[in-house]
Amino acid sequence: MSDEQLLAVVTDIRNWIRAACHGSVKVLLETALPDAKSRTAYQMRDGITSIANIRGRCKMSPNDVIALQGRCVSLGLMEITAEKRRRRLFDLRDFGLLDANDESQPQGAANANKAKPRKR
């Protein structure tokens, strides 16, 4: 079997798994992320955005952000990257769990990482 054929088979399997698990993943996300604050914090966790930026945007304590990340990792909703950063595995918009107007991703993360001008 060639690499291209193998890739096609694996891609097909992945697509079937996604379709089969969509409902159960949505229920898990709804349970783990019961409110808008936790959903926004999860969505912002892209492996780049800092905890400080998430805290500021979501008005959460550092302990709450860390606890949320820990729960999400243990539930399989986030992964730990090689750089030891947490990254979400699902886009909440795919499940209808985040407002279309919410700018958490992708624009929000890019804007959150920009330095704020100092007040003089």
PDB file of N, CA and C in Angstrom:
ATOM      1  N   MET A   1       0.853  -1.173   0.000  1.00  0.00           N
ATOM      2  CA  MET A   1       0.000   0.000   0.000  1.00  0.00           C
ATOM      3  C   MET A   1       0.902   1.241   0.000  1.00  0.00           C
ATOM      4  N   SER A   2       0.633   2.160  -0.888  1.00  0.00           N
ATOM      5  CA  SER A   2       1.454   3.366  -0.990  1.00  0.00           C
ATOM      6  C   SER A   2       1.117   4.340   0.145  1.00  0.00           C
ATOM      7  N   ASP A   3       1.991   5.300   0.349  1.00  0.00           N
ATOM      8  CA  ASP A   3       1.763   6.314   1.380  1.00  0.00           C
ATOM      9  C   ASP A   3       0.491   7.111   1.106  1.00  0.00           C
ATOM     10  N   GLU A   4       0.235   7.416  -0.162  1.00  0.00           N
ATOM     11  CA  GLU A   4      -0.967   8.175  -0.518  1.00  0.00           C
ATOM     12  C   GLU A   4      -2.233   7.383  -0.213  1.00  0.00           C
ATOM     13  N   GLN A   5      -2.216   6.092  -0.494  1.00  0.00           N
ATOM     14  CA  GLN A   5      -3.379   5.253  -0.199  1.00  0.00           C
ATOM     15  C   GLN A   5      -3.578   5.128   1.308  1.00  0.00           C
ATOM     16  N   LEU A   6      -2.495   4.964   2.025  1.00  0.00           N
ATOM     17  CA  LEU A   6      -2.564   4.871   3.480  1.00  0.00           C
ATOM     18  C   LEU A   6      -3.105   6.161   4.085  1.00  0.00           C
ATOM     19  N   LEU A   7      -2.641   7.290   3.584  1.00  0.00           N
ATOM     20  CA  LEU A   7      -3.138   8.583   4.059  1.00  0.00           C
ATOM     21  C   LEU A   7      -4.626   8.724   3.779  1.00  0.00           C
ATOM     22  N   ALA A   8      -5.081   8.283   2.622  1.00  0.00           N
ATOM     23  CA  ALA A   8      -6.503   8.363   2.276  1.00  0.00           C
ATOM     24  C   ALA A   8      -7.343   7.512   3.232  1.00  0.00           C
ATOM     25  N   VAL A   9      -6.862   6.315   3.573  1.00  0.00           N
ATOM     26  CA  VAL A   9      -7.585   5.439   4.490  1.00  0.00           C
ATOM     27  C   VAL A   9      -7.636   6.053   5.884  1.00  0.00           C
ATOM     28  N   VAL A  10      -6.510   6.549   6.366  1.00  0.00           N
ATOM     29  CA  VAL A  10      -6.460   7.155   7.702  1.00  0.00           C
ATOM     30  C   VAL A  10      -7.351   8.392   7.759  1.00  0.00           C
ATOM     31  N   THR A  11      -7.352   9.193   6.722  1.00  0.00           N
ATOM     32  CA  THR A  11      -8.205  10.382   6.665  1.00  0.00           C
ATOM     33  C   THR A  11      -9.678   9.982   6.700  1.00  0.00           C
ATOM     34  N   ASP A  12     -10.038   8.939   5.980  1.00  0.00           N
ATOM     35  CA  ASP A  12     -11.415   8.457   5.969  1.00  0.00           C
ATOM     36  C   ASP A  12     -11.820   7.972   7.366  1.00  0.00           C
ATOM     37  N   ILE A  13     -10.943   7.232   8.029  1.00  0.00           N
ATOM     38  CA  ILE A  13     -11.218   6.758   9.388  1.00  0.00           C
ATOM     39  C   ILE A  13     -11.396   7.936  10.333  1.00  0.00           C
ATOM     40  N   ARG A  14     -10.518   8.928  10.227  1.00  0.00           N
ATOM     41  CA  ARG A  14     -10.629  10.123  11.076  1.00  0.00           C
ATOM     42  C   ARG A  14     -11.961  10.815  10.885  1.00  0.00           C
ATOM     43  N   ASN A  15     -12.396  10.958   9.656  1.00  0.00           N
ATOM     44  CA  ASN A  15     -13.672  11.630   9.375  1.00  0.00           C
ATOM     45  C   ASN A  15     -14.855  10.861   9.958  1.00  0.00           C
ATOM     46  N   TRP A  16     -14.834   9.535   9.889  1.00  0.00           N
ATOM     47  CA  TRP A  16     -15.908   8.735  10.464  1.00  0.00           C
ATOM     48  C   TRP A  16     -15.914   8.843  11.977  1.00  0.00           C
ATOM     49  N   ILE A  17     -14.738   8.859  12.577  1.00  0.00           N
ATOM     50  CA  ILE A  17     -14.654   8.999  14.035  1.00  0.00           C
ATOM     51  C   ILE A  17     -15.191  10.358  14.465  1.00  0.00           C
ATOM     52  N   ARG A  18     -14.824  11.401  13.749  1.00  0.00           N
ATOM     53  CA  ARG A  18     -15.347  12.740  14.063  1.00  0.00           C
ATOM     54  C   ARG A  18     -16.865  12.762  14.016  1.00  0.00           C
ATOM     55  N   ALA A  19     -17.424  12.196  12.977  1.00  0.00           N
ATOM     56  CA  ALA A  19     -18.887  12.192  12.823  1.00  0.00           C
ATOM     57  C   ALA A  19     -19.546  11.382  13.935  1.00  0.00           C
ATOM     58  N   ALA A  20     -18.969  10.239  14.266  1.00  0.00           N
ATOM     59  CA  ALA A  20     -19.557   9.368  15.277  1.00  0.00           C
ATOM     60  C   ALA A  20     -19.473   9.957  16.682  1.00  0.00           C
ATOM     61  N   CYS A  21     -18.449  10.723  16.961  1.00  0.00           N
ATOM     62  CA  CYS A  21     -18.210  11.242  18.308  1.00  0.00           C
ATOM     63  C   CYS A  21     -18.710  12.661  18.532  1.00  0.00           C
ATOM     64  N   HIS A  22     -19.211  13.304  17.511  1.00  0.00           N
ATOM     65  CA  HIS A  22     -19.591  14.718  17.625  1.00  0.00           C
ATOM     66  C   HIS A  22     -20.541  14.959  18.803  1.00  0.00           C
ATOM     67  N   GLY A  23     -21.581  14.169  18.907  1.00  0.00           N
ATOM     68  CA  GLY A  23     -22.567  14.368  19.975  1.00  0.00           C
ATOM     69  C   GLY A  23     -21.982  14.184  21.361  1.00  0.00           C
ATOM     70  N   SER A  24     -21.212  13.136  21.564  1.00  0.00           N
ATOM     71  CA  SER A  24     -20.651  12.886  22.890  1.00  0.00           C
ATOM     72  C   SER A  24     -19.591  13.920  23.260  1.00  0.00           C
ATOM     73  N   VAL A  25     -18.827  14.396  22.279  1.00  0.00           N
ATOM     74  CA  VAL A  25     -17.845  15.450  22.549  1.00  0.00           C
ATOM     75  C   VAL A  25     -18.563  16.743  22.930  1.00  0.00           C
ATOM     76  N   LYS A  26     -19.669  17.053  22.258  1.00  0.00           N
ATOM     77  CA  LYS A  26     -20.422  18.266  22.581  1.00  0.00           C
ATOM     78  C   LYS A  26     -20.947  18.203  24.014  1.00  0.00           C
ATOM     79  N   VAL A  27     -21.482  17.054  24.414  1.00  0.00           N
ATOM     80  CA  VAL A  27     -21.977  16.899  25.789  1.00  0.00           C
ATOM     81  C   VAL A  27     -20.833  17.065  26.787  1.00  0.00           C
ATOM     82  N   LEU A  28     -19.682  16.482  26.489  1.00  0.00           N
ATOM     83  CA  LEU A  28     -18.520  16.609  27.371  1.00  0.00           C
ATOM     84  C   LEU A  28     -18.076  18.063  27.484  1.00  0.00           C
ATOM     85  N   LEU A  29     -18.035  18.775  26.361  1.00  0.00           N
ATOM     86  CA  LEU A  29     -17.668  20.193  26.382  1.00  0.00           C
ATOM     87  C   LEU A  29     -18.684  21.009  27.180  1.00  0.00           C
ATOM     88  N   GLU A  30     -19.964  20.739  26.997  1.00  0.00           N
ATOM     89  CA  GLU A  30     -20.999  21.473  27.739  1.00  0.00           C
ATOM     90  C   GLU A  30     -20.878  21.233  29.237  1.00  0.00           C
ATOM     91  N   THR A  31     -20.542  20.016  29.621  1.00  0.00           N
ATOM     92  CA  THR A  31     -20.401  19.680  31.041  1.00  0.00           C
ATOM     93  C   THR A  31     -19.149  20.312  31.633  1.00  0.00           C
ATOM     94  N   ALA A  32     -18.048  20.211  30.924  1.00  0.00           N
ATOM     95  CA  ALA A  32     -16.776  20.736  31.432  1.00  0.00           C
ATOM     96  C   ALA A  32     -16.714  22.255  31.396  1.00  0.00           C
ATOM     97  N   LEU A  33     -17.441  22.861  30.452  1.00  0.00           N
ATOM     98  CA  LEU A  33     -17.422  24.319  30.259  1.00  0.00           C
ATOM     99  C   LEU A  33     -18.845  24.852  30.373  1.00  0.00           C
ATOM    100  N   PRO A  34     -19.374  24.949  31.604  1.00  0.00           N
ATOM    101  CA  PRO A  34     -20.797  25.263  31.783  1.00  0.00           C
ATOM    102  C   PRO A  34     -21.201  26.715  31.527  1.00  0.00           C
ATOM    103  N   ASP A  35     -20.236  27.634  31.535  1.00  0.00           N
ATOM    104  CA  ASP A  35     -20.607  29.042  31.383  1.00  0.00           C
ATOM    105  C   ASP A  35     -19.752  29.730  30.321  1.00  0.00           C
ATOM    106  N   ALA A  36     -20.151  30.944  29.969  1.00  0.00           N
ATOM    107  CA  ALA A  36     -19.465  31.697  28.907  1.00  0.00           C
ATOM    108  C   ALA A  36     -18.012  31.993  29.280  1.00  0.00           C
ATOM    109  N   LYS A  37     -17.756  32.246  30.552  1.00  0.00           N
ATOM    110  CA  LYS A  37     -16.400  32.565  31.000  1.00  0.00           C
ATOM    111  C   LYS A  37     -15.455  31.383  30.764  1.00  0.00           C
ATOM    112  N   SER A  38     -15.869  30.192  31.173  1.00  0.00           N
ATOM    113  CA  SER A  38     -15.010  29.020  31.004  1.00  0.00           C
ATOM    114  C   SER A  38     -14.865  28.656  29.525  1.00  0.00           C
ATOM    115  N   ARG A  39     -15.909  28.880  28.746  1.00  0.00           N
ATOM    116  CA  ARG A  39     -15.837  28.587  27.306  1.00  0.00           C
ATOM    117  C   ARG A  39     -14.881  29.544  26.598  1.00  0.00           C
ATOM    118  N   THR A  40     -14.922  30.809  26.976  1.00  0.00           N
ATOM    119  CA  THR A  40     -14.004  31.777  26.378  1.00  0.00           C
ATOM    120  C   THR A  40     -12.560  31.450  26.765  1.00  0.00           C
ATOM    121  N   ALA A  41     -12.351  31.100  28.036  1.00  0.00           N
ATOM    122  CA  ALA A  41     -11.004  30.734  28.493  1.00  0.00           C
ATOM    123  C   ALA A  41     -10.502  29.510  27.735  1.00  0.00           C
ATOM    124  N   TYR A  42     -11.359  28.517  27.548  1.00  0.00           N
ATOM    125  CA  TYR A  42     -10.968  27.317  26.802  1.00  0.00           C
ATOM    126  C   TYR A  42     -10.622  27.677  25.360  1.00  0.00           C
ATOM    127  N   GLN A  43     -11.469  28.455  24.732  1.00  0.00           N
ATOM    128  CA  GLN A  43     -11.265  28.816  23.326  1.00  0.00           C
ATOM    129  C   GLN A  43      -9.969  29.598  23.135  1.00  0.00           C
ATOM    130  N   MET A  44      -9.618  30.427  24.097  1.00  0.00           N
ATOM    131  CA  MET A  44      -8.396  31.225  23.989  1.00  0.00           C
ATOM    132  C   MET A  44      -7.137  30.381  24.188  1.00  0.00           C
ATOM    133  N   ARG A  45      -7.272  29.205  24.779  1.00  0.00           N
ATOM    134  CA  ARG A  45      -6.096  28.384  25.081  1.00  0.00           C
ATOM    135  C   ARG A  45      -5.635  27.672  23.817  1.00  0.00           C
ATOM    136  N   ASP A  46      -4.841  28.386  23.037  1.00  0.00           N
ATOM    137  CA  ASP A  46      -4.397  27.913  21.727  1.00  0.00           C
ATOM    138  C   ASP A  46      -2.935  27.494  21.727  1.00  0.00           C
ATOM    139  N   GLY A  47      -2.315  27.441  22.897  1.00  0.00           N
ATOM    140  CA  GLY A  47      -0.903  27.089  22.972  1.00  0.00           C
ATOM    141  C   GLY A  47       0.005  28.292  22.857  1.00  0.00           C
ATOM    142  N   ILE A  48      -0.569  29.458  22.593  1.00  0.00           N
ATOM    143  CA  ILE A  48       0.209  30.691  22.434  1.00  0.00           C
ATOM    144  C   ILE A  48      -0.214  31.730  23.473  1.00  0.00           C
ATOM    145  N   THR A  49      -1.512  31.916  23.626  1.00  0.00           N
ATOM    146  CA  THR A  49      -2.045  32.930  24.531  1.00  0.00           C
ATOM    147  C   THR A  49      -1.663  32.607  25.970  1.00  0.00           C
ATOM    148  N   SER A  50      -1.190  33.602  26.691  1.00  0.00           N
ATOM    149  CA  SER A  50      -0.730  33.398  28.064  1.00  0.00           C
ATOM    150  C   SER A  50      -1.896  33.342  29.043  1.00  0.00           C
ATOM    151  N   ILE A  51      -1.611  32.771  30.203  1.00  0.00           N
ATOM    152  CA  ILE A  51      -2.616  32.720  31.270  1.00  0.00           C
ATOM    153  C   ILE A  51      -2.991  34.131  31.687  1.00  0.00           C
ATOM    154  N   ALA A  52      -2.034  35.047  31.707  1.00  0.00           N
ATOM    155  CA  ALA A  52      -2.315  36.440  32.085  1.00  0.00           C
ATOM    156  C   ALA A  52      -3.327  37.068  31.131  1.00  0.00           C
ATOM    157  N   ASN A  53      -3.187  36.806  29.842  1.00  0.00           N
ATOM    158  CA  ASN A  53      -4.142  37.351  28.871  1.00  0.00           C
ATOM    159  C   ASN A  53      -5.523  36.726  29.033  1.00  0.00           C
ATOM    160  N   ILE A  54      -5.557  35.438  29.307  1.00  0.00           N
ATOM    161  CA  ILE A  54      -6.839  34.757  29.524  1.00  0.00           C
ATOM    162  C   ILE A  54      -7.499  35.297  30.783  1.00  0.00           C
ATOM    163  N   ARG A  55      -6.717  35.453  31.848  1.00  0.00           N
ATOM    164  CA  ARG A  55      -7.242  35.999  33.098  1.00  0.00           C
ATOM    165  C   ARG A  55      -7.856  37.367  32.880  1.00  0.00           C
ATOM    166  N   GLY A  56      -7.138  38.227  32.163  1.00  0.00           N
ATOM    167  CA  GLY A  56      -7.638  39.575  31.920  1.00  0.00           C
ATOM    168  C   GLY A  56      -8.919  39.590  31.110  1.00  0.00           C
ATOM    169  N   ARG A  57      -8.973  38.784  30.101  1.00  0.00           N
ATOM    170  CA  ARG A  57     -10.152  38.749  29.224  1.00  0.00           C
ATOM    171  C   ARG A  57     -11.363  38.128  29.923  1.00  0.00           C
ATOM    172  N   CYS A  58     -11.118  37.078  30.701  1.00  0.00           N
ATOM    173  CA  CYS A  58     -12.211  36.321  31.303  1.00  0.00           C
ATOM    174  C   CYS A  58     -12.499  36.702  32.753  1.00  0.00           C
ATOM    175  N   LYS A  59     -11.680  37.576  33.318  1.00  0.00           N
ATOM    176  CA  LYS A  59     -11.840  37.986  34.723  1.00  0.00           C
ATOM    177  C   LYS A  59     -11.832  36.765  35.640  1.00  0.00           C
ATOM    178  N   MET A  60     -10.790  35.933  35.482  1.00  0.00           N
ATOM    179  CA  MET A  60     -10.634  34.726  36.287  1.00  0.00           C
ATOM    180  C   MET A  60      -9.336  34.815  37.083  1.00  0.00           C
ATOM    181  N   SER A  61      -9.289  34.128  38.209  1.00  0.00           N
ATOM    182  CA  SER A  61      -8.050  34.067  38.982  1.00  0.00           C
ATOM    183  C   SER A  61      -7.093  33.099  38.295  1.00  0.00           C
ATOM    184  N   PRO A  62      -5.786  33.244  38.568  1.00  0.00           N
ATOM    185  CA  PRO A  62      -4.838  32.297  37.964  1.00  0.00           C
ATOM    186  C   PRO A  62      -5.144  30.854  38.363  1.00  0.00           C
ATOM    187  N   ASN A  63      -5.569  30.654  39.613  1.00  0.00           N
ATOM    188  CA  ASN A  63      -5.896  29.307  40.074  1.00  0.00           C
ATOM    189  C   ASN A  63      -7.081  28.724  39.310  1.00  0.00           C
ATOM    190  N   ASP A  64      -8.071  29.560  39.007  1.00  0.00           N
ATOM    191  CA  ASP A  64      -9.231  29.082  38.248  1.00  0.00           C
ATOM    192  C   ASP A  64      -8.847  28.681  36.827  1.00  0.00           C
ATOM    193  N   VAL A  65      -7.975  29.470  36.193  1.00  0.00           N
ATOM    194  CA  VAL A  65      -7.532  29.146  34.833  1.00  0.00           C
ATOM    195  C   VAL A  65      -6.742  27.841  34.838  1.00  0.00           C
ATOM    196  N   ILE A  66      -5.853  27.694  35.799  1.00  0.00           N
ATOM    197  CA  ILE A  66      -5.038  26.483  35.890  1.00  0.00           C
ATOM    198  C   ILE A  66      -5.912  25.267  36.190  1.00  0.00           C
ATOM    199  N   ALA A  67      -6.887  25.429  37.081  1.00  0.00           N
ATOM    200  CA  ALA A  67      -7.788  24.320  37.405  1.00  0.00           C
ATOM    201  C   ALA A  67      -8.614  23.913  36.179  1.00  0.00           C
ATOM    202  N   LEU A  68      -9.100  24.893  35.433  1.00  0.00           N
ATOM    203  CA  LEU A  68      -9.860  24.613  34.213  1.00  0.00           C
ATOM    204  C   LEU A  68      -8.996  23.842  33.224  1.00  0.00           C
ATOM    205  N   GLN A  69      -7.766  24.292  33.039  1.00  0.00           N
ATOM    206  CA  GLN A  69      -6.853  23.604  32.126  1.00  0.00           C
ATOM    207  C   GLN A  69      -6.591  22.177  32.578  1.00  0.00           C
ATOM    208  N   GLY A  70      -6.394  21.977  33.866  1.00  0.00           N
ATOM    209  CA  GLY A  70      -6.153  20.633  34.397  1.00  0.00           C
ATOM    210  C   GLY A  70      -7.323  19.699  34.140  1.00  0.00           C
ATOM    211  N   ARG A  71      -8.541  20.205  34.377  1.00  0.00           N
ATOM    212  CA  ARG A  71      -9.741  19.398  34.106  1.00  0.00           C
ATOM    213  C   ARG A  71      -9.832  19.046  32.632  1.00  0.00           C
ATOM    214  N   CYS A  72      -9.576  20.040  31.774  1.00  0.00           N
ATOM    215  CA  CYS A  72      -9.688  19.814  30.332  1.00  0.00           C
ATOM    216  C   CYS A  72      -8.644  18.823  29.829  1.00  0.00           C
ATOM    217  N   VAL A  73      -7.440  18.878  30.372  1.00  0.00           N
ATOM    218  CA  VAL A  73      -6.405  17.918  29.980  1.00  0.00           C
ATOM    219  C   VAL A  73      -6.824  16.517  30.412  1.00  0.00           C
ATOM    220  N   SER A  74      -7.294  16.379  31.648  1.00  0.00           N
ATOM    221  CA  SER A  74      -7.657  15.048  32.146  1.00  0.00           C
ATOM    222  C   SER A  74      -8.882  14.478  31.429  1.00  0.00           C
ATOM    223  N   LEU A  75      -9.751  15.350  30.910  1.00  0.00           N
ATOM    224  CA  LEU A  75     -10.923  14.892  30.162  1.00  0.00           C
ATOM    225  C   LEU A  75     -10.619  14.657  28.686  1.00  0.00           C
ATOM    226  N   GLY A  76      -9.415  15.001  28.255  1.00  0.00           N
ATOM    227  CA  GLY A  76      -9.054  14.815  26.852  1.00  0.00           C
ATOM    228  C   GLY A  76      -9.522  15.939  25.952  1.00  0.00           C
ATOM    229  N   LEU A  77      -9.809  17.096  26.536  1.00  0.00           N
ATOM    230  CA  LEU A  77     -10.270  18.248  25.759  1.00  0.00           C
ATOM    231  C   LEU A  77      -9.125  19.197  25.402  1.00  0.00           C
ATOM    232  N   MET A  78      -7.980  19.020  26.069  1.00  0.00           N
ATOM    233  CA  MET A  78      -6.774  19.806  25.801  1.00  0.00           C
ATOM    234  C   MET A  78      -5.589  18.858  25.764  1.00  0.00           C
ATOM    235  N   GLU A  79      -4.536  19.318  25.097  1.00  0.00           N
ATOM    236  CA  GLU A  79      -3.291  18.564  25.078  1.00  0.00           C
ATOM    237  C   GLU A  79      -2.184  19.429  25.659  1.00  0.00           C
ATOM    238  N   ILE A  80      -1.109  18.773  26.057  1.00  0.00           N
ATOM    239  CA  ILE A  80       0.085  19.480  26.516  1.00  0.00           C
ATOM    240  C   ILE A  80       1.105  19.384  25.399  1.00  0.00           C
ATOM    241  N   THR A  81       1.566  20.539  24.934  1.00  0.00           N
ATOM    242  CA  THR A  81       2.507  20.578  23.814  1.00  0.00           C
ATOM    243  C   THR A  81       3.912  20.208  24.284  1.00  0.00           C
ATOM    244  N   ALA A  82       4.816  20.057  23.345  1.00  0.00           N
ATOM    245  CA  ALA A  82       6.216  19.755  23.668  1.00  0.00           C
ATOM    246  C   ALA A  82       6.842  20.868  24.506  1.00  0.00           C
ATOM    247  N   GLU A  83       6.311  22.091  24.355  1.00  0.00           N
ATOM    248  CA  GLU A  83       6.812  23.237  25.127  1.00  0.00           C
ATOM    249  C   GLU A  83       6.130  23.340  26.482  1.00  0.00           C
ATOM    250  N   LYS A  84       5.349  22.322  26.870  1.00  0.00           N
ATOM    251  CA  LYS A  84       4.622  22.268  28.149  1.00  0.00           C
ATOM    252  C   LYS A  84       3.512  23.301  28.246  1.00  0.00           C
ATOM    253  N   ARG A  85       2.973  23.707  27.102  1.00  0.00           N
ATOM    254  CA  ARG A  85       1.840  24.637  27.083  1.00  0.00           C
ATOM    255  C   ARG A  85       0.568  23.842  26.813  1.00  0.00           C
ATOM    256  N   ARG A  86      -0.556  24.353  27.264  1.00  0.00           N
ATOM    257  CA  ARG A  86      -1.845  23.691  27.039  1.00  0.00           C
ATOM    258  C   ARG A  86      -2.476  24.247  25.773  1.00  0.00           C
ATOM    259  N   ARG A  87      -3.097  23.341  24.992  1.00  0.00           N
ATOM    260  CA  ARG A  87      -3.756  23.767  23.748  1.00  0.00           C
ATOM    261  C   ARG A  87      -5.066  23.005  23.618  1.00  0.00           C
ATOM    262  N   ARG A  88      -6.109  23.746  23.310  1.00  0.00           N
ATOM    263  CA  ARG A  88      -7.422  23.122  23.135  1.00  0.00           C
ATOM    264  C   ARG A  88      -7.408  22.210  21.917  1.00  0.00           C
ATOM    265  N   LEU A  89      -8.234  21.185  21.962  1.00  0.00           N
ATOM    266  CA  LEU A  89      -8.315  20.245  20.848  1.00  0.00           C
ATOM    267  C   LEU A  89      -9.536  20.479  19.971  1.00  0.00           C
ATOM    268  N   PHE A  90     -10.489  21.248  20.466  1.00  0.00           N
ATOM    269  CA  PHE A  90     -11.724  21.466  19.724  1.00  0.00           C
ATOM    270  C   PHE A  90     -12.030  22.948  19.626  1.00  0.00           C
ATOM    271  N   ASP A  91     -12.604  23.339  18.513  1.00  0.00           N
ATOM    272  CA  ASP A  91     -13.087  24.709  18.343  1.00  0.00           C
ATOM    273  C   ASP A  91     -14.547  24.715  18.765  1.00  0.00           C
ATOM    274  N   LEU A  92     -14.869  25.515  19.766  1.00  0.00           N
ATOM    275  CA  LEU A  92     -16.230  25.530  20.301  1.00  0.00           C
ATOM    276  C   LEU A  92     -17.263  25.988  19.279  1.00  0.00           C
ATOM    277  N   ARG A  93     -16.842  26.745  18.287  1.00  0.00           N
ATOM    278  CA  ARG A  93     -17.774  27.178  17.242  1.00  0.00           C
ATOM    279  C   ARG A  93     -18.289  25.989  16.432  1.00  0.00           C
ATOM    280  N   ASP A  94     -17.480  24.945  16.309  1.00  0.00           N
ATOM    281  CA  ASP A  94     -17.901  23.747  15.576  1.00  0.00           C
ATOM    282  C   ASP A  94     -19.061  23.040  16.265  1.00  0.00           C
ATOM    283  N   PHE A  95     -19.231  23.314  17.560  1.00  0.00           N
ATOM    284  CA  PHE A  95     -20.277  22.671  18.343  1.00  0.00           C
ATOM    285  C   PHE A  95     -21.392  23.634  18.726  1.00  0.00           C
ATOM    286  N   GLY A  96     -21.333  24.868  18.226  1.00  0.00           N
ATOM    287  CA  GLY A  96     -22.352  25.860  18.554  1.00  0.00           C
ATOM    288  C   GLY A  96     -22.298  26.304  19.998  1.00  0.00           C
ATOM    289  N   LEU A  97     -21.132  26.227  20.624  1.00  0.00           N
ATOM    290  CA  LEU A  97     -20.999  26.576  22.039  1.00  0.00           C
ATOM    291  C   LEU A  97     -20.371  27.936  22.276  1.00  0.00           C
ATOM    292  N   LEU A  98     -20.088  28.668  21.218  1.00  0.00           N
ATOM    293  CA  LEU A  98     -19.479  29.980  21.357  1.00  0.00           C
ATOM    294  C   LEU A  98     -20.178  30.909  20.386  1.00  0.00           C
ATOM    295  N   ASP A  99     -20.505  32.096  20.840  1.00  0.00           N
ATOM    296  CA  ASP A  99     -21.153  33.067  19.965  1.00  0.00           C
ATOM    297  C   ASP A  99     -20.293  33.349  18.754  1.00  0.00           C
ATOM    298  N   ALA A 100     -20.913  33.508  17.617  1.00  0.00           N
ATOM    299  CA  ALA A 100     -20.176  33.845  16.390  1.00  0.00           C
ATOM    300  C   ALA A 100     -19.501  35.202  16.526  1.00  0.00           C
ATOM    301  N   ASN A 101     -20.034  36.068  17.391  1.00  0.00           N
ATOM    302  CA  ASN A 101     -19.464  37.407  17.578  1.00  0.00           C
ATOM    303  C   ASN A 101     -18.297  37.417  18.547  1.00  0.00           C
ATOM    304  N   ASP A 102     -18.100  36.324  19.292  1.00  0.00           N
ATOM    305  CA  ASP A 102     -16.992  36.260  20.247  1.00  0.00           C
ATOM    306  C   ASP A 102     -15.677  36.240  19.478  1.00  0.00           C
ATOM    307  N   GLU A 103     -14.769  37.099  19.850  1.00  0.00           N
ATOM    308  CA  GLU A 103     -13.504  37.234  19.128  1.00  0.00           C
ATOM    309  C   GLU A 103     -12.365  36.486  19.809  1.00  0.00           C
ATOM    310  N   SER A 104     -12.663  35.480  20.615  1.00  0.00           N
ATOM    311  CA  SER A 104     -11.609  34.759  21.334  1.00  0.00           C
ATOM    312  C   SER A 104     -10.610  34.135  20.389  1.00  0.00           C
ATOM    313  N   GLN A 105     -11.091  33.629  19.276  1.00  0.00           N
ATOM    314  CA  GLN A 105     -10.226  32.982  18.298  1.00  0.00           C
ATOM    315  C   GLN A 105     -10.763  33.270  16.917  1.00  0.00           C
ATOM    316  N   PRO A 106      -9.964  33.482  15.948  1.00  0.00           N
ATOM    317  CA  PRO A 106      -8.534  33.649  16.058  1.00  0.00           C
ATOM    318  C   PRO A 106      -8.126  35.070  16.367  1.00  0.00           C
ATOM    319  N   GLN A 107      -8.996  36.050  16.109  1.00  0.00           N
ATOM    320  CA  GLN A 107      -8.584  37.439  16.271  1.00  0.00           C
ATOM    321  C   GLN A 107      -8.268  37.757  17.724  1.00  0.00           C
ATOM    322  N   GLY A 108      -9.019  37.224  18.665  1.00  0.00           N
ATOM    323  CA  GLY A 108      -8.839  37.553  20.069  1.00  0.00           C
ATOM    324  C   GLY A 108      -7.464  37.183  20.590  1.00  0.00           C
ATOM    325  N   ALA A 109      -6.970  36.008  20.199  1.00  0.00           N
ATOM    326  CA  ALA A 109      -5.656  35.586  20.683  1.00  0.00           C
ATOM    327  C   ALA A 109      -4.562  36.482  20.129  1.00  0.00           C
ATOM    328  N   ALA A 110      -4.699  36.852  18.887  1.00  0.00           N
ATOM    329  CA  ALA A 110      -3.691  37.731  18.286  1.00  0.00           C
ATOM    330  C   ALA A 110      -3.715  39.095  18.965  1.00  0.00           C
ATOM    331  N   ASN A 111      -4.911  39.603  19.235  1.00  0.00           N
ATOM    332  CA  ASN A 111      -5.026  40.898  19.886  1.00  0.00           C
ATOM    333  C   ASN A 111      -4.603  40.835  21.343  1.00  0.00           C
ATOM    334  N   ALA A 112      -4.864  39.714  22.005  1.00  0.00           N
ATOM    335  CA  ALA A 112      -4.521  39.583  23.416  1.00  0.00           C
ATOM    336  C   ALA A 112      -3.017  39.562  23.616  1.00  0.00           C
ATOM    337  N   ASN A 113      -2.283  39.099  22.619  1.00  0.00           N
ATOM    338  CA  ASN A 113      -0.838  39.014  22.754  1.00  0.00           C
ATOM    339  C   ASN A 113      -0.133  40.337  22.468  1.00  0.00           C
ATOM    340  N   LYS A 114      -0.841  41.307  21.947  1.00  0.00           N
ATOM    341  CA  LYS A 114      -0.236  42.600  21.657  1.00  0.00           C
ATOM    342  C   LYS A 114      -0.099  43.387  22.960  1.00  0.00           C
ATOM    343  N   ALA A 115       0.969  44.122  23.071  1.00  0.00           N
ATOM    344  CA  ALA A 115       1.193  44.951  24.247  1.00  0.00           C
ATOM    345  C   ALA A 115       0.194  46.089  24.273  1.00  0.00           C
ATOM    346  N   LYS A 116      -0.334  46.359  25.453  1.00  0.00           N
ATOM    347  CA  LYS A 116      -1.252  47.480  25.602  1.00  0.00           C
ATOM    348  C   LYS A 116      -0.458  48.762  25.775  1.00  0.00           C
ATOM    349  N   PRO A 117      -0.918  49.847  25.194  1.00  0.00           N
ATOM    350  CA  PRO A 117      -0.203  51.117  25.385  1.00  0.00           C
ATOM    351  C   PRO A 117      -0.294  51.566  26.828  1.00  0.00           C
ATOM    352  N   ARG A 118       0.756  52.181  27.300  1.00  0.00           N
ATOM    353  CA  ARG A 118       0.787  52.677  28.671  1.00  0.00           C
ATOM    354  C   ARG A 118      -0.015  53.955  28.787  1.00  0.00           C
ATOM    355  N   LYS A 119      -0.679  54.099  29.910  1.00  0.00           N
ATOM    356  CA  LYS A 119      -1.372  55.353  30.213  1.00  0.00           C
ATOM    357  C   LYS A 119      -0.376  56.324  30.777  1.00  0.00           C
ATOM    358  N   ARG A 120      -0.444  57.555  30.342  1.00  0.00           N
ATOM    359  CA  ARG A 120       0.499  58.573  30.845  1.00  0.00           C
ATOM    360  C   ARG A 120      -0.217  59.616  31.616  1.00  0.00           C
TER     361      ARG A 120
END
